[in-house]
PDB file of all heavy atoms in Angstrom:
ATOM      1  N   GLY A   1       0.796  -1.220   0.000  1.00  0.00           N
ATOM      2  CA  GLY A   1       0.000   0.000   0.000  1.00  0.00           C
ATOM      3  C   GLY A   1       0.826   1.267   0.000  1.00  0.00           C
ATOM      4  O   GLY A   1       0.284   2.368   0.131  1.00  0.00           O
ATOM      5  N   PHE A   2       2.145   1.138  -0.172  1.00  0.00           N
ATOM      6  CA  PHE A   2       2.989   2.329  -0.260  1.00  0.00           C
ATOM      7  C   PHE A   2       2.896   2.961  -1.641  1.00  0.00           C
ATOM      8  O   PHE A   2       2.805   4.182  -1.777  1.00  0.00           O
ATOM      9  CB  PHE A   2       4.444   1.983   0.072  1.00  0.00           C
ATOM     10  CG  PHE A   2       5.371   3.166  -0.022  1.00  0.00           C
ATOM     11  CD1 PHE A   2       5.348   4.151   0.958  1.00  0.00           C
ATOM     12  CD2 PHE A   2       6.248   3.305  -1.077  1.00  0.00           C
ATOM     13  CE1 PHE A   2       6.191   5.251   0.887  1.00  0.00           C
ATOM     14  CE2 PHE A   2       7.094   4.402  -1.167  1.00  0.00           C
ATOM     15  CZ  PHE A   2       7.063   5.379  -0.184  1.00  0.00           C
ATOM     16  N   LEU A   3       2.938   2.130  -2.680  1.00  0.00           N
ATOM     17  CA  LEU A   3       2.708   2.605  -4.044  1.00  0.00           C
ATOM     18  C   LEU A   3       1.250   2.359  -4.396  1.00  0.00           C
ATOM     19  O   LEU A   3       0.768   1.228  -4.318  1.00  0.00           O
ATOM     20  CB  LEU A   3       3.622   1.877  -5.038  1.00  0.00           C
ATOM     21  CG  LEU A   3       5.125   2.129  -4.904  1.00  0.00           C
ATOM     22  CD1 LEU A   3       5.897   1.300  -5.918  1.00  0.00           C
ATOM     23  CD2 LEU A   3       5.456   3.609  -5.065  1.00  0.00           C
ATOM     24  N   THR A   4       0.551   3.417  -4.780  1.00  0.00           N
ATOM     25  CA  THR A   4      -0.864   3.307  -5.124  1.00  0.00           C
ATOM     26  C   THR A   4      -1.119   3.946  -6.473  1.00  0.00           C
ATOM     27  O   THR A   4      -0.341   4.801  -6.927  1.00  0.00           O
ATOM     28  CB  THR A   4      -1.741   4.012  -4.073  1.00  0.00           C
ATOM     29  OG1 THR A   4      -1.487   5.434  -4.127  1.00  0.00           O
ATOM     30  CG2 THR A   4      -1.444   3.499  -2.667  1.00  0.00           C
ATOM     31  N   PRO A   5      -2.186   3.573  -7.156  1.00  0.00           N
ATOM     32  CA  PRO A   5      -2.512   4.231  -8.422  1.00  0.00           C
ATOM     33  C   PRO A   5      -2.664   5.743  -8.270  1.00  0.00           C
ATOM     34  O   PRO A   5      -2.312   6.500  -9.178  1.00  0.00           O
ATOM     35  CB  PRO A   5      -3.845   3.578  -8.819  1.00  0.00           C
ATOM     36  CG  PRO A   5      -3.829   2.244  -8.153  1.00  0.00           C
ATOM     37  CD  PRO A   5      -3.110   2.465  -6.847  1.00  0.00           C
ATOM     38  N   GLU A   6      -3.137   6.170  -7.103  1.00  0.00           N
ATOM     39  CA  GLU A   6      -3.368   7.596  -6.880  1.00  0.00           C
ATOM     40  C   GLU A   6      -2.059   8.374  -6.818  1.00  0.00           C
ATOM     41  O   GLU A   6      -1.898   9.392  -7.510  1.00  0.00           O
ATOM     42  CB  GLU A   6      -4.166   7.807  -5.594  1.00  0.00           C
ATOM     43  CG  GLU A   6      -5.605   7.319  -5.634  1.00  0.00           C
ATOM     44  CD  GLU A   6      -5.729   5.809  -5.544  1.00  0.00           C
ATOM     45  OE1 GLU A   6      -4.765   5.154  -5.067  1.00  0.00           O
ATOM     46  OE2 GLU A   6      -6.777   5.267  -5.950  1.00  0.00           O
ATOM     47  N   ASN A   7      -1.100   7.913  -5.987  1.00  0.00           N
ATOM     48  CA  ASN A   7       0.124   8.702  -5.888  1.00  0.00           C
ATOM     49  C   ASN A   7       0.997   8.577  -7.140  1.00  0.00           C
ATOM     50  O   ASN A   7       1.725   9.511  -7.482  1.00  0.00           O
ATOM     51  CB  ASN A   7       0.916   8.375  -4.604  1.00  0.00           C
ATOM     52  CG  ASN A   7       1.285   6.915  -4.458  1.00  0.00           C
ATOM     53  OD1 ASN A   7       1.569   6.232  -5.419  1.00  0.00           O
ATOM     54  ND2 ASN A   7       1.276   6.438  -3.206  1.00  0.00           N
ATOM     55  N   LEU A   8       0.894   7.457  -7.849  1.00  0.00           N
ATOM     56  CA  LEU A   8       1.614   7.347  -9.113  1.00  0.00           C
ATOM     57  C   LEU A   8       0.995   8.252 -10.180  1.00  0.00           C
ATOM     58  O   LEU A   8       1.705   8.859 -10.984  1.00  0.00           O
ATOM     59  CB  LEU A   8       1.626   5.897  -9.597  1.00  0.00           C
ATOM     60  CG  LEU A   8       2.496   4.943  -8.779  1.00  0.00           C
ATOM     61  CD1 LEU A   8       2.219   3.498  -9.178  1.00  0.00           C
ATOM     62  CD2 LEU A   8       3.976   5.258  -8.976  1.00  0.00           C
ATOM     63  N   ALA A   9      -0.330   8.350 -10.179  1.00  0.00           N
ATOM     64  CA  ALA A   9      -1.008   9.190 -11.167  1.00  0.00           C
ATOM     65  C   ALA A   9      -0.679  10.662 -10.964  1.00  0.00           C
ATOM     66  O   ALA A   9      -0.532  11.420 -11.927  1.00  0.00           O
ATOM     67  CB  ALA A   9      -2.520   8.980 -11.096  1.00  0.00           C
ATOM     68  N   ILE A  10      -0.541  11.087  -9.713  1.00  0.00           N
ATOM     69  CA  ILE A  10      -0.202  12.484  -9.433  1.00  0.00           C
ATOM     70  C   ILE A  10       1.136  12.841 -10.063  1.00  0.00           C
ATOM     71  O   ILE A  10       1.286  13.868 -10.727  1.00  0.00           O
ATOM     72  CB  ILE A  10      -0.184  12.735  -7.914  1.00  0.00           C
ATOM     73  CG1 ILE A  10      -1.605  12.676  -7.360  1.00  0.00           C
ATOM     74  CG2 ILE A  10       0.449  14.086  -7.596  1.00  0.00           C
ATOM     75  CD1 ILE A  10      -1.665  12.736  -5.844  1.00  0.00           C
ATOM     76  N   GLU A  11       2.119  11.973  -9.878  1.00  0.00           N
ATOM     77  CA  GLU A  11       3.428  12.249 -10.469  1.00  0.00           C
ATOM     78  C   GLU A  11       3.405  12.118 -11.986  1.00  0.00           C
ATOM     79  O   GLU A  11       4.099  12.844 -12.691  1.00  0.00           O
ATOM     80  CB  GLU A  11       4.480  11.321  -9.876  1.00  0.00           C
ATOM     81  CG  GLU A  11       4.864  11.706  -8.461  1.00  0.00           C
ATOM     82  CD  GLU A  11       6.080  10.958  -7.960  1.00  0.00           C
ATOM     83  OE1 GLU A  11       6.647  10.145  -8.708  1.00  0.00           O
ATOM     84  OE2 GLU A  11       6.456  11.209  -6.817  1.00  0.00           O
ATOM     85  N   GLU A  12       2.612  11.176 -12.494  1.00  0.00           N
ATOM     86  CA  GLU A  12       2.495  11.027 -13.944  1.00  0.00           C
ATOM     87  C   GLU A  12       1.948  12.302 -14.558  1.00  0.00           C
ATOM     88  O   GLU A  12       2.426  12.767 -15.605  1.00  0.00           O
ATOM     89  CB  GLU A  12       1.591   9.846 -14.274  1.00  0.00           C
ATOM     90  CG  GLU A  12       1.427   9.571 -15.774  1.00  0.00           C
ATOM     91  CD  GLU A  12       2.713   9.069 -16.400  1.00  0.00           C
ATOM     92  OE1 GLU A  12       3.555   8.504 -15.690  1.00  0.00           O
ATOM     93  OE2 GLU A  12       2.866   9.259 -17.630  1.00  0.00           O
ATOM     94  N   ASN A  13       0.967  12.901 -13.915  1.00  0.00           N
ATOM     95  CA  ASN A  13       0.399  14.147 -14.416  1.00  0.00           C
ATOM     96  C   ASN A  13       1.370  15.312 -14.312  1.00  0.00           C
ATOM     97  O   ASN A  13       1.222  16.314 -15.004  1.00  0.00           O
ATOM     98  CB  ASN A  13      -0.887  14.479 -13.652  1.00  0.00           C
ATOM     99  CG  ASN A  13      -2.005  13.501 -13.960  1.00  0.00           C
ATOM    100  OD1 ASN A  13      -2.026  12.887 -15.030  1.00  0.00           O
ATOM    101  ND2 ASN A  13      -2.925  13.317 -13.023  1.00  0.00           N
ATOM    102  N   ARG A  14       2.363  15.167 -13.447  1.00  0.00           N
ATOM    103  CA  ARG A  14       3.408  16.188 -13.339  1.00  0.00           C
ATOM    104  C   ARG A  14       4.650  15.785 -14.130  1.00  0.00           C
ATOM    105  O   ARG A  14       5.751  16.222 -13.841  1.00  0.00           O
ATOM    106  CB  ARG A  14       3.782  16.392 -11.867  1.00  0.00           C
ATOM    107  CG  ARG A  14       2.643  16.980 -11.030  1.00  0.00           C
ATOM    108  CD  ARG A  14       3.036  17.044  -9.562  1.00  0.00           C
ATOM    109  NE  ARG A  14       1.951  17.596  -8.744  1.00  0.00           N
ATOM    110  CZ  ARG A  14       1.964  17.604  -7.419  1.00  0.00           C
ATOM    111  NH1 ARG A  14       2.984  17.106  -6.756  1.00  0.00           N
ATOM    112  NH2 ARG A  14       0.947  18.127  -6.746  1.00  0.00           N
ATOM    113  N   TYR A  15       4.471  14.891 -15.097  1.00  0.00           N
ATOM    114  CA  TYR A  15       5.551  14.424 -15.970  1.00  0.00           C
ATOM    115  C   TYR A  15       6.652  13.706 -15.194  1.00  0.00           C
ATOM    116  O   TYR A  15       7.823  13.775 -15.541  1.00  0.00           O
ATOM    117  CB  TYR A  15       6.134  15.592 -16.770  1.00  0.00           C
ATOM    118  CG  TYR A  15       5.091  16.331 -17.570  1.00  0.00           C
ATOM    119  CD1 TYR A  15       4.559  17.522 -17.115  1.00  0.00           C
ATOM    120  CD2 TYR A  15       4.618  15.811 -18.772  1.00  0.00           C
ATOM    121  CE1 TYR A  15       3.576  18.191 -17.838  1.00  0.00           C
ATOM    122  CE2 TYR A  15       3.639  16.477 -19.502  1.00  0.00           C
ATOM    123  CZ  TYR A  15       3.119  17.659 -19.032  1.00  0.00           C
ATOM    124  OH  TYR A  15       2.149  18.319 -19.745  1.00  0.00           O
ATOM    125  N   GLY A  16       6.254  13.025 -14.127  1.00  0.00           N
ATOM    126  CA  GLY A  16       7.194  12.190 -13.390  1.00  0.00           C
ATOM    127  C   GLY A  16       8.119  12.938 -12.466  1.00  0.00           C
ATOM    128  O   GLY A  16       8.998  12.345 -11.850  1.00  0.00           O
ATOM    129  N   ALA A  17       7.967  14.253 -12.323  1.00  0.00           N
ATOM    130  CA  ALA A  17       8.878  15.024 -11.478  1.00  0.00           C
ATOM    131  C   ALA A  17       8.440  14.953 -10.024  1.00  0.00           C
ATOM    132  O   ALA A  17       7.294  15.222  -9.700  1.00  0.00           O
ATOM    133  CB  ALA A  17       8.919  16.479 -11.929  1.00  0.00           C
ATOM    134  N   ALA A  18       9.374  14.573  -9.160  1.00  0.00           N
ATOM    135  CA  ALA A  18       9.073  14.499  -7.734  1.00  0.00           C
ATOM    136  C   ALA A  18       9.199  15.857  -7.063  1.00  0.00           C
ATOM    137  O   ALA A  18       8.714  16.060  -5.958  1.00  0.00           O
ATOM    138  CB  ALA A  18      10.016  13.505  -7.048  1.00  0.00           C
ATOM    139  N   GLY A  19       9.869  16.775  -7.729  1.00  0.00           N
ATOM    140  CA  GLY A  19      10.040  18.106  -7.153  1.00  0.00           C
ATOM    141  C   GLY A  19      11.231  18.162  -6.221  1.00  0.00           C
ATOM    142  O   GLY A  19      11.861  17.161  -5.899  1.00  0.00           O
ATOM    143  N   VAL A  20      11.586  19.364  -5.790  1.00  0.00           N
ATOM    144  CA  VAL A  20      12.704  19.576  -4.889  1.00  0.00           C
ATOM    145  C   VAL A  20      12.160  19.656  -3.465  1.00  0.00           C
ATOM    146  O   VAL A  20      11.428  20.580  -3.125  1.00  0.00           O
ATOM    147  CB  VAL A  20      13.468  20.859  -5.252  1.00  0.00           C
ATOM    148  CG1 VAL A  20      14.609  21.080  -4.264  1.00  0.00           C
ATOM    149  CG2 VAL A  20      13.997  20.782  -6.679  1.00  0.00           C
ATOM    150  N   ASN A  21      12.497  18.659  -2.638  1.00  0.00           N
ATOM    151  CA  ASN A  21      11.987  18.591  -1.275  1.00  0.00           C
ATOM    152  C   ASN A  21      13.093  18.904  -0.281  1.00  0.00           C
ATOM    153  O   ASN A  21      14.264  18.572  -0.512  1.00  0.00           O
ATOM    154  CB  ASN A  21      11.426  17.198  -0.982  1.00  0.00           C
ATOM    155  CG  ASN A  21      10.210  16.885  -1.840  1.00  0.00           C
ATOM    156  OD1 ASN A  21       9.375  17.750  -2.062  1.00  0.00           O
ATOM    157  ND2 ASN A  21      10.133  15.653  -2.308  1.00  0.00           N
ATOM    158  N   PRO A  22      12.759  19.501   0.852  1.00  0.00           N
ATOM    159  CA  PRO A  22      13.763  19.736   1.893  1.00  0.00           C
ATOM    160  C   PRO A  22      14.337  18.410   2.389  1.00  0.00           C
ATOM    161  O   PRO A  22      13.633  17.408   2.494  1.00  0.00           O
ATOM    162  CB  PRO A  22      12.968  20.447   2.997  1.00  0.00           C
ATOM    163  CG  PRO A  22      11.743  20.981   2.327  1.00  0.00           C
ATOM    164  CD  PRO A  22      11.436  20.028   1.222  1.00  0.00           C
ATOM    165  N   GLN A  23      15.623  18.418   2.713  1.00  0.00           N
ATOM    166  CA  GLN A  23      16.305  17.241   3.227  1.00  0.00           C
ATOM    167  C   GLN A  23      17.247  17.679   4.334  1.00  0.00           C
ATOM    168  O   GLN A  23      17.855  18.752   4.249  1.00  0.00           O
ATOM    169  CB  GLN A  23      17.115  16.554   2.114  1.00  0.00           C
ATOM    170  CG  GLN A  23      16.303  16.077   0.927  1.00  0.00           C
ATOM    171  CD  GLN A  23      15.603  14.774   1.200  1.00  0.00           C
ATOM    172  OE1 GLN A  23      16.197  13.850   1.742  1.00  0.00           O
ATOM    173  NE2 GLN A  23      14.340  14.687   0.834  1.00  0.00           N
ATOM    174  N   VAL A  24      17.402  16.840   5.356  1.00  0.00           N
ATOM    175  CA  VAL A  24      18.304  17.157   6.458  1.00  0.00           C
ATOM    176  C   VAL A  24      19.141  15.929   6.807  1.00  0.00           C
ATOM    177  O   VAL A  24      18.699  14.793   6.673  1.00  0.00           O
ATOM    178  CB  VAL A  24      17.545  17.649   7.703  1.00  0.00           C
ATOM    179  CG1 VAL A  24      16.976  19.036   7.472  1.00  0.00           C
ATOM    180  CG2 VAL A  24      16.425  16.691   8.095  1.00  0.00           C
ATOM    181  N   VAL A  25      20.358  16.190   7.264  1.00  0.00           N
ATOM    182  CA  VAL A  25      21.335  15.128   7.420  1.00  0.00           C
ATOM    183  C   VAL A  25      20.941  14.134   8.507  1.00  0.00           C
ATOM    184  O   VAL A  25      21.206  12.923   8.371  1.00  0.00           O
ATOM    185  CB  VAL A  25      22.739  15.731   7.694  1.00  0.00           C
ATOM    186  CG1 VAL A  25      22.782  16.410   9.062  1.00  0.00           C
ATOM    187  CG2 VAL A  25      23.831  14.689   7.554  1.00  0.00           C
ATOM    188  N   TRP A  26      20.311  14.588   9.598  1.00  0.00           N
ATOM    189  CA  TRP A  26      20.036  13.640  10.686  1.00  0.00           C
ATOM    190  C   TRP A  26      18.929  12.655  10.318  1.00  0.00           C
ATOM    191  O   TRP A  26      19.003  11.478  10.671  1.00  0.00           O
ATOM    192  CB  TRP A  26      19.733  14.384  11.978  1.00  0.00           C
ATOM    193  CG  TRP A  26      18.521  15.276  11.979  1.00  0.00           C
ATOM    194  CD1 TRP A  26      17.230  14.941  12.295  1.00  0.00           C
ATOM    195  CD2 TRP A  26      18.494  16.665  11.642  1.00  0.00           C
ATOM    196  NE1 TRP A  26      16.405  16.027  12.182  1.00  0.00           N
ATOM    197  CE2 TRP A  26      17.153  17.108  11.778  1.00  0.00           C
ATOM    198  CE3 TRP A  26      19.465  17.591  11.243  1.00  0.00           C
ATOM    199  CZ2 TRP A  26      16.758  18.417  11.530  1.00  0.00           C
ATOM    200  CZ3 TRP A  26      19.079  18.900  11.000  1.00  0.00           C
ATOM    201  CH2 TRP A  26      17.744  19.303  11.147  1.00  0.00           C
ATOM    202  N   THR A  27      17.916  13.121   9.581  1.00  0.00           N
ATOM    203  CA  THR A  27      16.868  12.191   9.152  1.00  0.00           C
ATOM    204  C   THR A  27      17.398  11.236   8.098  1.00  0.00           C
ATOM    205  O   THR A  27      17.113  10.031   8.127  1.00  0.00           O
ATOM    206  CB  THR A  27      15.656  12.957   8.622  1.00  0.00           C
ATOM    207  OG1 THR A  27      15.236  13.915   9.596  1.00  0.00           O
ATOM    208  CG2 THR A  27      14.499  12.017   8.334  1.00  0.00           C
ATOM    209  N   ASN A  28      18.173  11.754   7.137  1.00  0.00           N
ATOM    210  CA  ASN A  28      18.810  10.876   6.158  1.00  0.00           C
ATOM    211  C   ASN A  28      19.655   9.812   6.842  1.00  0.00           C
ATOM    212  O   ASN A  28      19.638   8.631   6.468  1.00  0.00           O
ATOM    213  CB  ASN A  28      19.700  11.679   5.216  1.00  0.00           C
ATOM    214  CG  ASN A  28      18.933  12.485   4.190  1.00  0.00           C
ATOM    215  OD1 ASN A  28      19.380  13.551   3.767  1.00  0.00           O
ATOM    216  ND2 ASN A  28      17.776  12.007   3.758  1.00  0.00           N
ATOM    217  N   GLY A  29      20.402  10.221   7.876  1.00  0.00           N
ATOM    218  CA  GLY A  29      21.266   9.276   8.573  1.00  0.00           C
ATOM    219  C   GLY A  29      20.490   8.208   9.314  1.00  0.00           C
ATOM    220  O   GLY A  29      20.886   7.037   9.338  1.00  0.00           O
ATOM    221  N   THR A  30      19.377   8.581   9.932  1.00  0.00           N
ATOM    222  CA  THR A  30      18.550   7.602  10.638  1.00  0.00           C
ATOM    223  C   THR A  30      17.989   6.569   9.673  1.00  0.00           C
ATOM    224  O   THR A  30      18.038   5.355   9.930  1.00  0.00           O
ATOM    225  CB  THR A  30      17.405   8.303  11.382  1.00  0.00           C
ATOM    226  OG1 THR A  30      17.946   9.238  12.310  1.00  0.00           O
ATOM    227  CG2 THR A  30      16.544   7.292  12.127  1.00  0.00           C
ATOM    228  N   LEU A  31      17.455   7.034   8.546  1.00  0.00           N
ATOM    229  CA  LEU A  31      16.891   6.112   7.560  1.00  0.00           C
ATOM    230  C   LEU A  31      17.972   5.221   6.960  1.00  0.00           C
ATOM    231  O   LEU A  31      17.741   4.023   6.734  1.00  0.00           O
ATOM    232  CB  LEU A  31      16.181   6.906   6.463  1.00  0.00           C
ATOM    233  CG  LEU A  31      14.917   7.651   6.911  1.00  0.00           C
ATOM    234  CD1 LEU A  31      14.451   8.609   5.824  1.00  0.00           C
ATOM    235  CD2 LEU A  31      13.801   6.675   7.262  1.00  0.00           C
ATOM    236  N   ALA A  32      19.140   5.788   6.696  1.00  0.00           N
ATOM    237  CA  ALA A  32      20.244   4.987   6.166  1.00  0.00           C
ATOM    238  C   ALA A  32      20.648   3.897   7.150  1.00  0.00           C
ATOM    239  O   ALA A  32      20.924   2.754   6.764  1.00  0.00           O
ATOM    240  CB  ALA A  32      21.437   5.884   5.841  1.00  0.00           C
TER     241      ALA A  32
END
């Protein structure tokens, strides 16, 4: 249920661009 037709369709309508999102080192490090 992480990938759904709805969230894929939103990006498809935006030509596949995810956009520029804020990122921070401590959250990246935790997920890594």
